[in-house]
Amino acid sequence: MTEGEQSEDEAFRSEIEAVIEEDDIEEVLGATIEIALGSSDPIWATECLIRLAQHPDTDVRGNAMIGFAHLAGRFEDFEKEKALPVLEAGLQDLKPHVREQAEAALGELKD
């Protein structure tokens, strides 16, 4: 990774962390997808999605669930073992949307 790429990645992380901290739901919803589709670091992205999978907002939790499938599709070294317990827990969520997203993501990870 070049210095410019590293700086860009650090800026991306800082921006996402700030959005999560501010907790504006619309912003967090978008950031959840950005994490899954835009991060160059699957370990950091996985940790963020794990945190967001516990968010009080149903849609944020659902986005986090499907985000794991996006990461798995983008990174060969994606650590499924970290996501699987979160996705399994998502199958028990009170909200159908979260359960459906967890089920879809598990289907992608098992393929």
C-alpha atoms as a PDB file:
ATOM      1  CA  MET A   1       0.000   0.000   0.000  1.00  0.00           C
ATOM      2  CA  THR A   2       1.413   3.360  -0.980  1.00  0.00           C
ATOM      3  CA  GLU A   3       1.480   6.314   1.375  1.00  0.00           C
ATOM      4  CA  GLY A   4      -1.374   7.946  -0.553  1.00  0.00           C
ATOM      5  CA  GLU A   5      -3.493   4.799  -0.348  1.00  0.00           C
ATOM      6  CA  GLN A   6      -2.775   4.466   3.361  1.00  0.00           C
ATOM      7  CA  SER A   7      -3.751   8.084   3.961  1.00  0.00           C
ATOM      8  CA  GLU A   8      -6.937   7.586   1.918  1.00  0.00           C
ATOM      9  CA  ASP A   9      -7.789   4.450   3.911  1.00  0.00           C
ATOM     10  CA  GLU A  10      -7.202   6.249   7.211  1.00  0.00           C
ATOM     11  CA  ALA A  11      -9.471   9.091   6.069  1.00  0.00           C
ATOM     12  CA  PHE A  12     -12.161   6.566   5.086  1.00  0.00           C
ATOM     13  CA  ARG A  13     -11.951   4.887   8.496  1.00  0.00           C
ATOM     14  CA  SER A  14     -12.038   8.191  10.372  1.00  0.00           C
ATOM     15  CA  GLU A  15     -15.073   9.337   8.401  1.00  0.00           C
ATOM     16  CA  ILE A  16     -16.932   6.077   9.034  1.00  0.00           C
ATOM     17  CA  GLU A  17     -16.033   6.033  12.738  1.00  0.00           C
ATOM     18  CA  ALA A  18     -17.299   9.618  13.086  1.00  0.00           C
ATOM     19  CA  VAL A  19     -20.602   8.722  11.412  1.00  0.00           C
ATOM     20  CA  ILE A  20     -21.051   5.728  13.709  1.00  0.00           C
ATOM     21  CA  GLU A  21     -20.252   7.878  16.748  1.00  0.00           C
ATOM     22  CA  GLU A  22     -22.735  10.621  15.734  1.00  0.00           C
ATOM     23  CA  ASP A  23     -25.401   7.938  15.183  1.00  0.00           C
ATOM     24  CA  ASP A  24     -27.534   9.800  12.644  1.00  0.00           C
ATOM     25  CA  ILE A  25     -29.516   6.799  11.405  1.00  0.00           C
ATOM     26  CA  GLU A  26     -29.605   7.786   7.721  1.00  0.00           C
ATOM     27  CA  GLU A  27     -25.856   8.380   7.765  1.00  0.00           C
ATOM     28  CA  VAL A  28     -25.179   5.129   9.628  1.00  0.00           C
ATOM     29  CA  LEU A  29     -27.303   3.189   7.131  1.00  0.00           C
ATOM     30  CA  GLY A  30     -25.172   4.491   4.271  1.00  0.00           C
ATOM     31  CA  ALA A  31     -21.943   3.998   6.187  1.00  0.00           C
ATOM     32  CA  THR A  32     -22.815   0.371   6.838  1.00  0.00           C
ATOM     33  CA  ILE A  33     -22.969  -0.280   3.105  1.00  0.00           C
ATOM     34  CA  GLU A  34     -19.835   1.808   2.501  1.00  0.00           C
ATOM     35  CA  ILE A  35     -17.966  -0.345   5.011  1.00  0.00           C
ATOM     36  CA  ALA A  36     -18.951  -3.517   3.186  1.00  0.00           C
ATOM     37  CA  LEU A  37     -18.331  -2.232  -0.333  1.00  0.00           C
ATOM     38  CA  GLY A  38     -15.594   0.346   0.115  1.00  0.00           C
ATOM     39  CA  SER A  39     -13.213  -0.699   2.858  1.00  0.00           C
ATOM     40  CA  SER A  40      -9.820  -2.023   1.844  1.00  0.00           C
ATOM     41  CA  ASP A  41      -9.334  -3.714   5.238  1.00  0.00           C
ATOM     42  CA  PRO A  42     -11.562  -6.758   5.792  1.00  0.00           C
ATOM     43  CA  ILE A  43     -10.562  -7.113   9.453  1.00  0.00           C
ATOM     44  CA  TRP A  44     -11.524  -3.542  10.342  1.00  0.00           C
ATOM     45  CA  ALA A  45     -14.688  -3.797   8.238  1.00  0.00           C
ATOM     46  CA  THR A  46     -15.712  -7.034   9.934  1.00  0.00           C
ATOM     47  CA  GLU A  47     -15.251  -5.484  13.374  1.00  0.00           C
ATOM     48  CA  CYS A  48     -17.381  -2.488  12.363  1.00  0.00           C
ATOM     49  CA  LEU A  49     -20.136  -4.716  11.026  1.00  0.00           C
ATOM     50  CA  ILE A  50     -20.073  -6.803  14.194  1.00  0.00           C
ATOM     51  CA  ARG A  51     -20.661  -3.625  16.221  1.00  0.00           C
ATOM     52  CA  LEU A  52     -23.391  -2.430  13.855  1.00  0.00           C
ATOM     53  CA  ALA A  53     -25.128  -5.808  13.992  1.00  0.00           C
ATOM     54  CA  GLN A  54     -26.005  -4.861  17.603  1.00  0.00           C
ATOM     55  CA  HIS A  55     -27.397  -1.421  16.679  1.00  0.00           C
ATOM     56  CA  PRO A  56     -30.883  -0.552  17.983  1.00  0.00           C
ATOM     57  CA  ASP A  57     -32.115   0.319  14.463  1.00  0.00           C
ATOM     58  CA  THR A  58     -33.547  -2.614  12.499  1.00  0.00           C
ATOM     59  CA  ASP A  59     -32.314  -1.415   9.110  1.00  0.00           C
ATOM     60  CA  VAL A  60     -28.783  -0.827  10.383  1.00  0.00           C
ATOM     61  CA  ARG A  61     -28.705  -4.359  11.799  1.00  0.00           C
ATOM     62  CA  GLY A  62     -30.047  -5.732   8.517  1.00  0.00           C
ATOM     63  CA  ASN A  63     -27.445  -3.834   6.475  1.00  0.00           C
ATOM     64  CA  ALA A  64     -24.714  -5.124   8.754  1.00  0.00           C
ATOM     65  CA  MET A  65     -25.896  -8.699   8.234  1.00  0.00           C
ATOM     66  CA  ILE A  66     -25.816  -8.510   4.447  1.00  0.00           C
ATOM     67  CA  GLY A  67     -22.579  -6.552   4.663  1.00  0.00           C
ATOM     68  CA  PHE A  68     -20.801  -9.717   5.752  1.00  0.00           C
ATOM     69  CA  ALA A  69     -21.800 -11.372   2.468  1.00  0.00           C
ATOM     70  CA  HIS A  70     -20.411  -8.405   0.524  1.00  0.00           C
ATOM     71  CA  LEU A  71     -17.112  -8.621   2.398  1.00  0.00           C
ATOM     72  CA  ALA A  72     -16.885 -12.350   1.765  1.00  0.00           C
ATOM     73  CA  GLY A  73     -17.397 -11.727  -1.932  1.00  0.00           C
ATOM     74  CA  ARG A  74     -14.696  -9.066  -2.049  1.00  0.00           C
ATOM     75  CA  PHE A  75     -11.970 -10.656   0.070  1.00  0.00           C
ATOM     76  CA  GLU A  76     -10.593 -14.171  -0.223  1.00  0.00           C
ATOM     77  CA  ASP A  77      -9.128 -13.858   3.277  1.00  0.00           C
ATOM     78  CA  PHE A  78     -12.443 -12.829   4.862  1.00  0.00           C
ATOM     79  CA  GLU A  79     -12.636 -14.483   8.287  1.00  0.00           C
ATOM     80  CA  LYS A  80     -16.021 -16.208   8.145  1.00  0.00           C
ATOM     81  CA  GLU A  81     -15.585 -17.613  11.642  1.00  0.00           C
ATOM     82  CA  LYS A  82     -15.942 -14.098  13.080  1.00  0.00           C
ATOM     83  CA  ALA A  83     -19.136 -13.359  11.158  1.00  0.00           C
ATOM     84  CA  LEU A  84     -20.906 -16.686  11.555  1.00  0.00           C
ATOM     85  CA  PRO A  85     -21.877 -16.297  15.257  1.00  0.00           C
ATOM     86  CA  VAL A  86     -23.211 -12.803  14.548  1.00  0.00           C
ATOM     87  CA  LEU A  87     -25.231 -14.064  11.601  1.00  0.00           C
ATOM     88  CA  GLU A  88     -26.522 -17.023  13.610  1.00  0.00           C
ATOM     89  CA  ALA A  89     -27.660 -14.574  16.299  1.00  0.00           C
ATOM     90  CA  GLY A  90     -29.297 -12.486  13.566  1.00  0.00           C
ATOM     91  CA  LEU A  91     -31.518 -15.452  12.746  1.00  0.00           C
ATOM     92  CA  GLN A  92     -33.061 -14.970  16.210  1.00  0.00           C
ATOM     93  CA  ASP A  93     -33.624 -11.202  15.878  1.00  0.00           C
ATOM     94  CA  LEU A  94     -37.100  -9.962  16.740  1.00  0.00           C
ATOM     95  CA  LYS A  95     -37.385  -8.175  13.399  1.00  0.00           C
ATOM     96  CA  PRO A  96     -38.084 -10.212  10.246  1.00  0.00           C
ATOM     97  CA  HIS A  97     -35.906  -7.935   8.085  1.00  0.00           C
ATOM     98  CA  VAL A  98     -32.830  -8.691  10.165  1.00  0.00           C
ATOM     99  CA  ARG A  99     -33.579 -12.416  10.169  1.00  0.00           C
ATOM    100  CA  GLU A 100     -34.013 -12.389   6.373  1.00  0.00           C
ATOM    101  CA  GLN A 101     -30.734 -10.532   5.822  1.00  0.00           C
ATOM    102  CA  ALA A 102     -28.899 -12.874   8.175  1.00  0.00           C
ATOM    103  CA  GLU A 103     -30.329 -15.880   6.331  1.00  0.00           C
ATOM    104  CA  ALA A 104     -29.348 -14.437   2.944  1.00  0.00           C
ATOM    105  CA  ALA A 105     -25.823 -13.684   4.146  1.00  0.00           C
ATOM    106  CA  LEU A 106     -25.416 -17.174   5.608  1.00  0.00           C
ATOM    107  CA  GLY A 107     -26.518 -18.602   2.280  1.00  0.00           C
ATOM    108  CA  GLU A 108     -23.835 -16.573   0.509  1.00  0.00           C
ATOM    109  CA  LEU A 109     -21.144 -17.597   2.981  1.00  0.00           C
ATOM    110  CA  LYS A 110     -21.959 -21.273   2.666  1.00  0.00           C
ATOM    111  CA  ASP A 111     -21.820 -21.279  -1.153  1.00  0.00           C
END
